[in-house]
């Protein structure tokens, strides 16, 4: 039986990471052709292996998605191969925290803004006009609970995630009436091996799983969410 995204093409930036891999796999299982950006070949190989027969519908680009020229090449190549792009999911991001603002150099803020804001700005700039021309499309950015819950020791990270949400809301206003939608998801701490290692005493059962967040993203990109534009969906788990 054909999946919800059969015949559609999705670009998952950071599609081989802790969350991105789950998102890429979910779209593949729903019948989409999936292109991912990645930095580590071993992660792409692991994704392809886990995809099984669906790996025939997977392609990858080694790319720095903060680089406008690199992203333009990726999108151009993808369109040359498939002549359409229906979905963009940005799962690229970074975290820095654990110390008060006065002990955090401005270089940390710049890095957070680059990873958590610039990357999505560049990606959206590369795909939005084509989607508008086609009259359809869905863009989802992975933000964070920290965009709203501004805890101690995370000033640069919280500021970058809040900015990312604001940017997506403004993009959604730009897209109103075009048939293209832009939304965000805001997870709490995601249950990934890296997070478990950094917080070994935490109750992992309370954290949302990557696969659970992927299902929320699938919904936002599906026809069932055609009336949702400019939303930020919290996915906090029980924490």
Foldseek 3Di string as FASTA:
>chain_A
DAALQALAEEEEEVLLDQLNLLLQLVVLVRHYQYEYEDADVVSVVVSLVVNPPSSVSYHYDDADLLDLVRLLVVVVVVCVVRVDHAEYEYPWADADWDAAPVVDDVVLLVRRLSGQPSSVVSNCVNCVVVCLVVLAHEYEYEAAPLCPVVDGTGVSNNVNSVVNLVVQLVVLVVCPPSRYAGEYEHEYDELGPVVCVVPVPDDSQQGHYSNVVSVVVVCCSGPVVSVDHSYYHYHYGRD
